N, C-alpha and C. Protein backbone atom coordinates (compact mmCIF):
# COMPACT_ATOMS: atom_id res chain seq x y z
N VAL A 1 -16.23 11.91 -18.78
CA VAL A 1 -14.98 11.29 -18.37
C VAL A 1 -15.11 9.78 -18.49
N GLN A 2 -14.10 9.18 -19.03
CA GLN A 2 -14.09 7.72 -19.18
C GLN A 2 -12.79 7.17 -18.60
N LEU A 3 -12.93 6.16 -17.77
CA LEU A 3 -11.78 5.47 -17.20
C LEU A 3 -11.87 4.01 -17.61
N VAL A 4 -10.82 3.49 -18.20
CA VAL A 4 -10.84 2.12 -18.69
C VAL A 4 -9.65 1.36 -18.09
N GLU A 5 -9.98 0.31 -17.34
CA GLU A 5 -8.95 -0.50 -16.70
C GLU A 5 -8.63 -1.73 -17.56
N SER A 6 -7.42 -2.22 -17.39
CA SER A 6 -7.02 -3.47 -18.02
C SER A 6 -5.91 -4.10 -17.20
N GLY A 7 -5.68 -5.39 -17.44
CA GLY A 7 -4.54 -6.06 -16.82
C GLY A 7 -4.87 -7.05 -15.73
N GLY A 8 -6.15 -7.16 -15.38
CA GLY A 8 -6.49 -8.12 -14.35
C GLY A 8 -6.35 -9.55 -14.84
N GLY A 9 -6.48 -10.49 -13.91
CA GLY A 9 -6.38 -11.89 -14.28
C GLY A 9 -6.15 -12.77 -13.08
N LEU A 10 -5.76 -13.99 -13.35
CA LEU A 10 -5.52 -14.99 -12.32
C LEU A 10 -4.01 -15.15 -12.14
N VAL A 11 -3.58 -15.12 -10.90
CA VAL A 11 -2.16 -15.25 -10.60
C VAL A 11 -1.99 -16.04 -9.31
N GLN A 12 -0.89 -16.74 -9.20
CA GLN A 12 -0.62 -17.49 -7.97
C GLN A 12 -0.08 -16.56 -6.90
N ALA A 13 -0.28 -16.95 -5.67
CA ALA A 13 0.25 -16.17 -4.56
C ALA A 13 1.76 -15.98 -4.71
N GLY A 14 2.19 -14.77 -4.44
CA GLY A 14 3.60 -14.43 -4.62
C GLY A 14 3.92 -13.84 -5.97
N GLY A 15 2.98 -13.93 -6.88
CA GLY A 15 3.19 -13.43 -8.24
C GLY A 15 2.94 -11.95 -8.36
N SER A 16 3.00 -11.48 -9.60
CA SER A 16 2.84 -10.06 -9.89
C SER A 16 1.85 -9.84 -11.02
N LEU A 17 1.22 -8.69 -10.99
CA LEU A 17 0.35 -8.23 -12.07
C LEU A 17 0.54 -6.73 -12.21
N ARG A 18 0.27 -6.23 -13.40
CA ARG A 18 0.31 -4.79 -13.63
C ARG A 18 -1.01 -4.37 -14.24
N LEU A 19 -1.71 -3.49 -13.54
CA LEU A 19 -2.96 -2.93 -14.03
C LEU A 19 -2.71 -1.59 -14.70
N SER A 20 -3.54 -1.30 -15.69
CA SER A 20 -3.47 0.00 -16.37
C SER A 20 -4.83 0.67 -16.32
N CYS A 21 -4.82 1.98 -16.28
CA CYS A 21 -6.04 2.77 -16.36
C CYS A 21 -5.79 3.90 -17.35
N THR A 22 -6.64 3.98 -18.35
CA THR A 22 -6.55 5.07 -19.32
C THR A 22 -7.71 6.01 -19.10
N ALA A 23 -7.42 7.27 -18.86
CA ALA A 23 -8.43 8.27 -18.58
C ALA A 23 -8.59 9.21 -19.77
N SER A 24 -9.83 9.56 -20.05
CA SER A 24 -10.10 10.54 -21.10
C SER A 24 -11.23 11.46 -20.68
N GLY A 25 -11.19 12.67 -21.16
CA GLY A 25 -12.27 13.61 -20.90
C GLY A 25 -12.15 14.39 -19.61
N ILE A 26 -11.06 14.24 -18.87
CA ILE A 26 -10.89 15.03 -17.64
C ILE A 26 -10.44 16.42 -18.03
N THR A 27 -11.24 17.42 -17.68
CA THR A 27 -10.92 18.79 -18.06
C THR A 27 -10.23 19.55 -16.94
N ARG A 28 -10.36 19.09 -15.71
CA ARG A 28 -9.67 19.73 -14.61
C ARG A 28 -8.19 19.34 -14.64
N ASN A 29 -7.34 20.19 -14.03
CA ASN A 29 -5.94 19.82 -13.91
C ASN A 29 -5.56 19.48 -12.48
N ASP A 30 -6.53 19.56 -11.54
CA ASP A 30 -6.23 19.22 -10.15
C ASP A 30 -7.18 18.14 -9.68
N TYR A 31 -6.64 16.96 -9.46
CA TYR A 31 -7.45 15.83 -9.01
C TYR A 31 -6.53 14.74 -8.51
N ALA A 32 -7.12 13.79 -7.86
CA ALA A 32 -6.42 12.57 -7.47
C ALA A 32 -6.96 11.43 -8.33
N ILE A 33 -6.07 10.60 -8.80
CA ILE A 33 -6.47 9.43 -9.60
C ILE A 33 -5.77 8.22 -9.01
N GLY A 34 -6.49 7.12 -8.95
CA GLY A 34 -5.88 5.95 -8.34
C GLY A 34 -6.78 4.74 -8.39
N TRP A 35 -6.57 3.87 -7.40
CA TRP A 35 -7.20 2.55 -7.43
C TRP A 35 -7.97 2.28 -6.14
N ILE A 36 -9.14 1.74 -6.33
CA ILE A 36 -9.99 1.31 -5.24
C ILE A 36 -10.38 -0.13 -5.53
N ARG A 37 -10.35 -0.97 -4.55
CA ARG A 37 -10.72 -2.36 -4.77
C ARG A 37 -11.87 -2.77 -3.87
N GLN A 38 -12.56 -3.79 -4.33
CA GLN A 38 -13.65 -4.34 -3.53
C GLN A 38 -13.60 -5.85 -3.60
N ALA A 39 -13.30 -6.45 -2.47
CA ALA A 39 -13.28 -7.90 -2.36
C ALA A 39 -14.70 -8.41 -2.15
N PRO A 40 -14.93 -9.68 -2.47
CA PRO A 40 -16.28 -10.23 -2.30
C PRO A 40 -16.78 -10.08 -0.87
N GLY A 41 -17.95 -9.49 -0.73
CA GLY A 41 -18.57 -9.34 0.58
C GLY A 41 -17.99 -8.26 1.45
N LYS A 42 -17.07 -7.46 0.91
CA LYS A 42 -16.42 -6.40 1.70
C LYS A 42 -16.69 -5.03 1.11
N GLU A 43 -16.41 -4.01 1.90
CA GLU A 43 -16.57 -2.64 1.44
C GLU A 43 -15.42 -2.24 0.51
N LYS A 44 -15.64 -1.19 -0.23
CA LYS A 44 -14.59 -0.66 -1.09
C LYS A 44 -13.42 -0.16 -0.24
N GLU A 45 -12.24 -0.39 -0.75
CA GLU A 45 -11.00 -0.01 -0.05
C GLU A 45 -10.16 0.86 -0.98
N GLY A 46 -9.90 2.08 -0.58
CA GLY A 46 -9.04 2.97 -1.35
C GLY A 46 -7.59 2.63 -1.08
N ILE A 47 -6.91 2.01 -2.04
CA ILE A 47 -5.58 1.47 -1.74
C ILE A 47 -4.44 2.39 -2.17
N THR A 48 -4.62 3.15 -3.23
CA THR A 48 -3.51 4.00 -3.66
C THR A 48 -4.00 5.07 -4.63
N CYS A 49 -3.34 6.21 -4.61
CA CYS A 49 -3.65 7.28 -5.55
C CYS A 49 -2.38 8.09 -5.83
N ILE A 50 -2.47 8.92 -6.86
CA ILE A 50 -1.40 9.86 -7.19
C ILE A 50 -2.05 11.20 -7.50
N ASP A 51 -1.40 12.26 -7.09
CA ASP A 51 -1.96 13.59 -7.26
C ASP A 51 -1.55 14.17 -8.61
N SER A 52 -2.51 14.79 -9.30
CA SER A 52 -2.23 15.25 -10.66
C SER A 52 -1.26 16.41 -10.71
N ILE A 53 -1.15 17.17 -9.63
CA ILE A 53 -0.28 18.34 -9.65
C ILE A 53 1.04 18.06 -8.93
N SER A 54 0.96 17.52 -7.72
CA SER A 54 2.16 17.36 -6.90
C SER A 54 2.88 16.04 -7.13
N ASP A 55 2.20 15.09 -7.75
CA ASP A 55 2.73 13.73 -7.91
C ASP A 55 2.87 13.00 -6.58
N SER A 56 2.34 13.55 -5.52
CA SER A 56 2.39 12.84 -4.25
C SER A 56 1.51 11.60 -4.33
N THR A 57 1.88 10.60 -3.57
CA THR A 57 1.15 9.34 -3.60
C THR A 57 0.67 8.96 -2.21
N TYR A 58 -0.31 8.10 -2.20
CA TYR A 58 -0.83 7.53 -0.96
C TYR A 58 -0.93 6.02 -1.15
N TYR A 59 -0.59 5.29 -0.10
CA TYR A 59 -0.76 3.84 -0.10
C TYR A 59 -1.45 3.42 1.18
N GLY A 60 -2.43 2.56 1.06
CA GLY A 60 -3.05 1.99 2.23
C GLY A 60 -2.12 0.98 2.90
N ASP A 61 -2.38 0.74 4.15
CA ASP A 61 -1.51 -0.16 4.92
C ASP A 61 -1.44 -1.55 4.31
N SER A 62 -2.53 -2.00 3.72
CA SER A 62 -2.59 -3.37 3.23
C SER A 62 -1.73 -3.59 1.98
N VAL A 63 -1.33 -2.52 1.29
CA VAL A 63 -0.58 -2.68 0.05
C VAL A 63 0.78 -1.99 0.07
N ARG A 64 1.01 -1.18 1.07
CA ARG A 64 2.26 -0.42 1.12
C ARG A 64 3.45 -1.37 1.13
N GLY A 65 4.42 -1.07 0.26
CA GLY A 65 5.60 -1.91 0.16
C GLY A 65 5.48 -3.02 -0.87
N ARG A 66 4.28 -3.29 -1.34
CA ARG A 66 4.08 -4.35 -2.34
C ARG A 66 3.55 -3.78 -3.66
N PHE A 67 2.74 -2.75 -3.58
CA PHE A 67 2.14 -2.15 -4.77
C PHE A 67 2.79 -0.80 -5.03
N THR A 68 2.88 -0.45 -6.32
CA THR A 68 3.44 0.84 -6.72
C THR A 68 2.56 1.46 -7.78
N ILE A 69 2.17 2.71 -7.55
CA ILE A 69 1.39 3.45 -8.53
C ILE A 69 2.32 4.36 -9.31
N SER A 70 2.07 4.49 -10.60
CA SER A 70 2.85 5.39 -11.44
C SER A 70 1.94 5.93 -12.54
N SER A 71 2.42 6.97 -13.21
CA SER A 71 1.60 7.55 -14.27
C SER A 71 2.48 8.22 -15.31
N ASP A 72 1.88 8.51 -16.44
CA ASP A 72 2.57 9.33 -17.42
C ASP A 72 2.47 10.79 -16.96
N GLY A 73 3.14 11.66 -17.64
CA GLY A 73 3.21 13.05 -17.20
C GLY A 73 1.85 13.74 -17.14
N SER A 74 0.95 13.34 -18.02
CA SER A 74 -0.34 14.00 -18.08
C SER A 74 -1.38 13.37 -17.16
N LYS A 75 -1.00 12.27 -16.49
CA LYS A 75 -1.91 11.54 -15.60
C LYS A 75 -3.11 10.99 -16.37
N THR A 76 -2.97 10.78 -17.67
CA THR A 76 -4.06 10.16 -18.41
C THR A 76 -3.90 8.64 -18.47
N THR A 77 -2.73 8.16 -18.12
CA THR A 77 -2.53 6.72 -17.97
C THR A 77 -1.88 6.48 -16.61
N VAL A 78 -2.48 5.60 -15.86
CA VAL A 78 -2.00 5.28 -14.51
C VAL A 78 -1.81 3.77 -14.44
N TRP A 79 -0.69 3.37 -13.85
CA TRP A 79 -0.40 1.94 -13.72
C TRP A 79 -0.34 1.55 -12.25
N LEU A 80 -0.67 0.32 -11.98
CA LEU A 80 -0.54 -0.23 -10.64
C LEU A 80 0.27 -1.52 -10.75
N GLN A 81 1.50 -1.47 -10.29
CA GLN A 81 2.34 -2.64 -10.25
C GLN A 81 2.12 -3.35 -8.93
N MET A 82 1.66 -4.59 -9.01
CA MET A 82 1.33 -5.35 -7.81
C MET A 82 2.29 -6.52 -7.70
N ASN A 83 3.10 -6.51 -6.67
CA ASN A 83 4.05 -7.59 -6.42
C ASN A 83 3.72 -8.30 -5.11
N GLY A 84 4.22 -9.49 -4.96
CA GLY A 84 3.96 -10.22 -3.72
C GLY A 84 2.49 -10.40 -3.44
N LEU A 85 1.73 -10.74 -4.48
CA LEU A 85 0.28 -10.84 -4.32
C LEU A 85 -0.11 -11.95 -3.36
N LYS A 86 -1.17 -11.68 -2.62
CA LYS A 86 -1.70 -12.61 -1.62
C LYS A 86 -3.15 -12.95 -1.97
N PRO A 87 -3.65 -14.07 -1.50
CA PRO A 87 -5.06 -14.40 -1.76
C PRO A 87 -6.01 -13.30 -1.31
N GLU A 88 -5.67 -12.59 -0.24
CA GLU A 88 -6.54 -11.51 0.24
C GLU A 88 -6.53 -10.28 -0.66
N ASP A 89 -5.68 -10.27 -1.67
CA ASP A 89 -5.71 -9.19 -2.66
C ASP A 89 -6.77 -9.46 -3.74
N THR A 90 -7.39 -10.61 -3.70
CA THR A 90 -8.43 -10.93 -4.67
C THR A 90 -9.57 -9.93 -4.54
N ALA A 91 -9.89 -9.26 -5.65
CA ALA A 91 -10.91 -8.21 -5.64
C ALA A 91 -11.12 -7.70 -7.05
N VAL A 92 -12.18 -6.93 -7.20
CA VAL A 92 -12.34 -6.11 -8.40
C VAL A 92 -11.61 -4.80 -8.14
N TYR A 93 -10.74 -4.43 -9.05
CA TYR A 93 -9.95 -3.22 -8.92
C TYR A 93 -10.52 -2.16 -9.86
N TYR A 94 -10.88 -1.02 -9.25
CA TYR A 94 -11.46 0.08 -10.00
C TYR A 94 -10.48 1.24 -10.07
N CYS A 95 -10.40 1.85 -11.23
CA CYS A 95 -9.73 3.13 -11.36
C CYS A 95 -10.74 4.22 -11.04
N ALA A 96 -10.33 5.24 -10.31
CA ALA A 96 -11.26 6.28 -9.91
C ALA A 96 -10.57 7.63 -9.87
N VAL A 97 -11.38 8.68 -9.92
CA VAL A 97 -10.90 10.06 -9.85
C VAL A 97 -11.68 10.82 -8.79
N ASP A 98 -10.97 11.57 -7.97
CA ASP A 98 -11.57 12.43 -6.95
C ASP A 98 -11.14 13.86 -7.26
N THR A 99 -12.10 14.73 -7.56
CA THR A 99 -11.76 16.12 -7.87
C THR A 99 -11.88 17.03 -6.66
N ALA A 100 -12.35 16.50 -5.54
CA ALA A 100 -12.58 17.34 -4.36
C ALA A 100 -11.37 17.45 -3.45
N PHE A 101 -10.53 16.44 -3.42
CA PHE A 101 -9.41 16.41 -2.51
C PHE A 101 -8.13 16.00 -3.24
N SER A 102 -7.02 16.49 -2.72
CA SER A 102 -5.73 16.02 -3.22
C SER A 102 -5.52 14.58 -2.77
N CYS A 103 -4.58 13.92 -3.41
CA CYS A 103 -4.27 12.55 -3.04
C CYS A 103 -3.68 12.52 -1.63
N GLY A 104 -4.28 11.69 -0.80
CA GLY A 104 -3.81 11.55 0.56
C GLY A 104 -4.73 10.61 1.30
N ASP A 105 -4.80 10.76 2.61
CA ASP A 105 -5.63 9.86 3.41
C ASP A 105 -7.11 9.97 3.05
N SER A 106 -7.49 11.08 2.44
CA SER A 106 -8.89 11.21 2.02
C SER A 106 -9.28 10.12 1.02
N TRP A 107 -8.29 9.64 0.26
CA TRP A 107 -8.58 8.57 -0.70
C TRP A 107 -9.14 7.35 0.02
N ARG A 108 -8.58 7.03 1.18
CA ARG A 108 -9.06 5.91 1.96
C ARG A 108 -10.46 6.20 2.53
N ARG A 109 -10.63 7.42 3.06
CA ARG A 109 -11.90 7.75 3.72
C ARG A 109 -13.06 7.89 2.73
N ARG A 110 -12.77 8.33 1.54
CA ARG A 110 -13.82 8.62 0.57
C ARG A 110 -14.02 7.50 -0.45
N ALA A 111 -13.36 6.38 -0.24
CA ALA A 111 -13.38 5.31 -1.25
C ALA A 111 -14.79 4.83 -1.56
N GLY A 112 -15.64 4.81 -0.54
CA GLY A 112 -16.95 4.23 -0.74
C GLY A 112 -17.97 5.17 -1.34
N TYR A 113 -17.70 6.50 -1.30
CA TYR A 113 -18.76 7.43 -1.70
C TYR A 113 -18.29 8.69 -2.37
N GLY A 114 -16.98 9.02 -2.26
CA GLY A 114 -16.56 10.36 -2.64
C GLY A 114 -15.99 10.54 -4.03
N MET A 115 -15.81 9.46 -4.75
CA MET A 115 -15.17 9.58 -6.05
C MET A 115 -16.14 10.16 -7.09
N ASP A 116 -15.57 10.96 -7.98
CA ASP A 116 -16.40 11.58 -9.01
C ASP A 116 -16.58 10.68 -10.23
N TYR A 117 -15.55 9.93 -10.54
CA TYR A 117 -15.60 9.10 -11.74
C TYR A 117 -15.02 7.71 -11.44
N TRP A 118 -15.60 6.72 -12.08
CA TRP A 118 -15.20 5.33 -11.86
C TRP A 118 -15.03 4.63 -13.20
N GLY A 119 -14.07 3.69 -13.23
CA GLY A 119 -14.04 2.74 -14.32
C GLY A 119 -14.96 1.58 -14.01
N LYS A 120 -15.05 0.64 -14.93
CA LYS A 120 -15.93 -0.51 -14.72
C LYS A 120 -15.27 -1.61 -13.89
N GLY A 121 -13.98 -1.53 -13.72
CA GLY A 121 -13.28 -2.49 -12.88
C GLY A 121 -12.66 -3.63 -13.64
N THR A 122 -11.63 -4.21 -13.04
CA THR A 122 -10.98 -5.39 -13.59
C THR A 122 -10.72 -6.36 -12.44
N LEU A 123 -11.01 -7.63 -12.67
CA LEU A 123 -10.94 -8.63 -11.62
C LEU A 123 -9.53 -9.18 -11.48
N VAL A 124 -9.05 -9.19 -10.25
CA VAL A 124 -7.78 -9.81 -9.92
C VAL A 124 -8.07 -10.97 -8.97
N THR A 125 -7.62 -12.15 -9.35
CA THR A 125 -7.81 -13.33 -8.52
C THR A 125 -6.46 -13.93 -8.20
N VAL A 126 -6.18 -14.08 -6.90
CA VAL A 126 -4.91 -14.63 -6.45
C VAL A 126 -5.18 -15.98 -5.81
N SER A 127 -4.62 -17.00 -6.39
CA SER A 127 -4.83 -18.35 -5.87
C SER A 127 -3.73 -18.72 -4.87
N SER A 128 -4.11 -19.53 -3.91
CA SER A 128 -3.14 -19.91 -2.86
C SER A 128 -2.38 -21.16 -3.23
């Protein structure tokens, strides 16, 4: 399985960015795919995911209302639209897949250890 992220960069506070994740090699049809971020000196934070079967989504408290996850029908491409960016959103953003649980609060709980597949990450820097 390969996950490749793109779209990171430098943006001013209040601005927007759109991240993309292209997935290949996933043979299962039931999984959660989404985004996990890690800010400097902090633990990984599972911020959002989408379920491959139900299309249900999860958003962490820190991004709900500002970020939107979407995907193509096959869930091989996933986008993260980030609006109203804040300096505290500065982090490396990873695309990840969890085959053990459906998309939900488990994404937050398992962010640090439970994912089966990871991308290499893309850096988002928000200046104040």
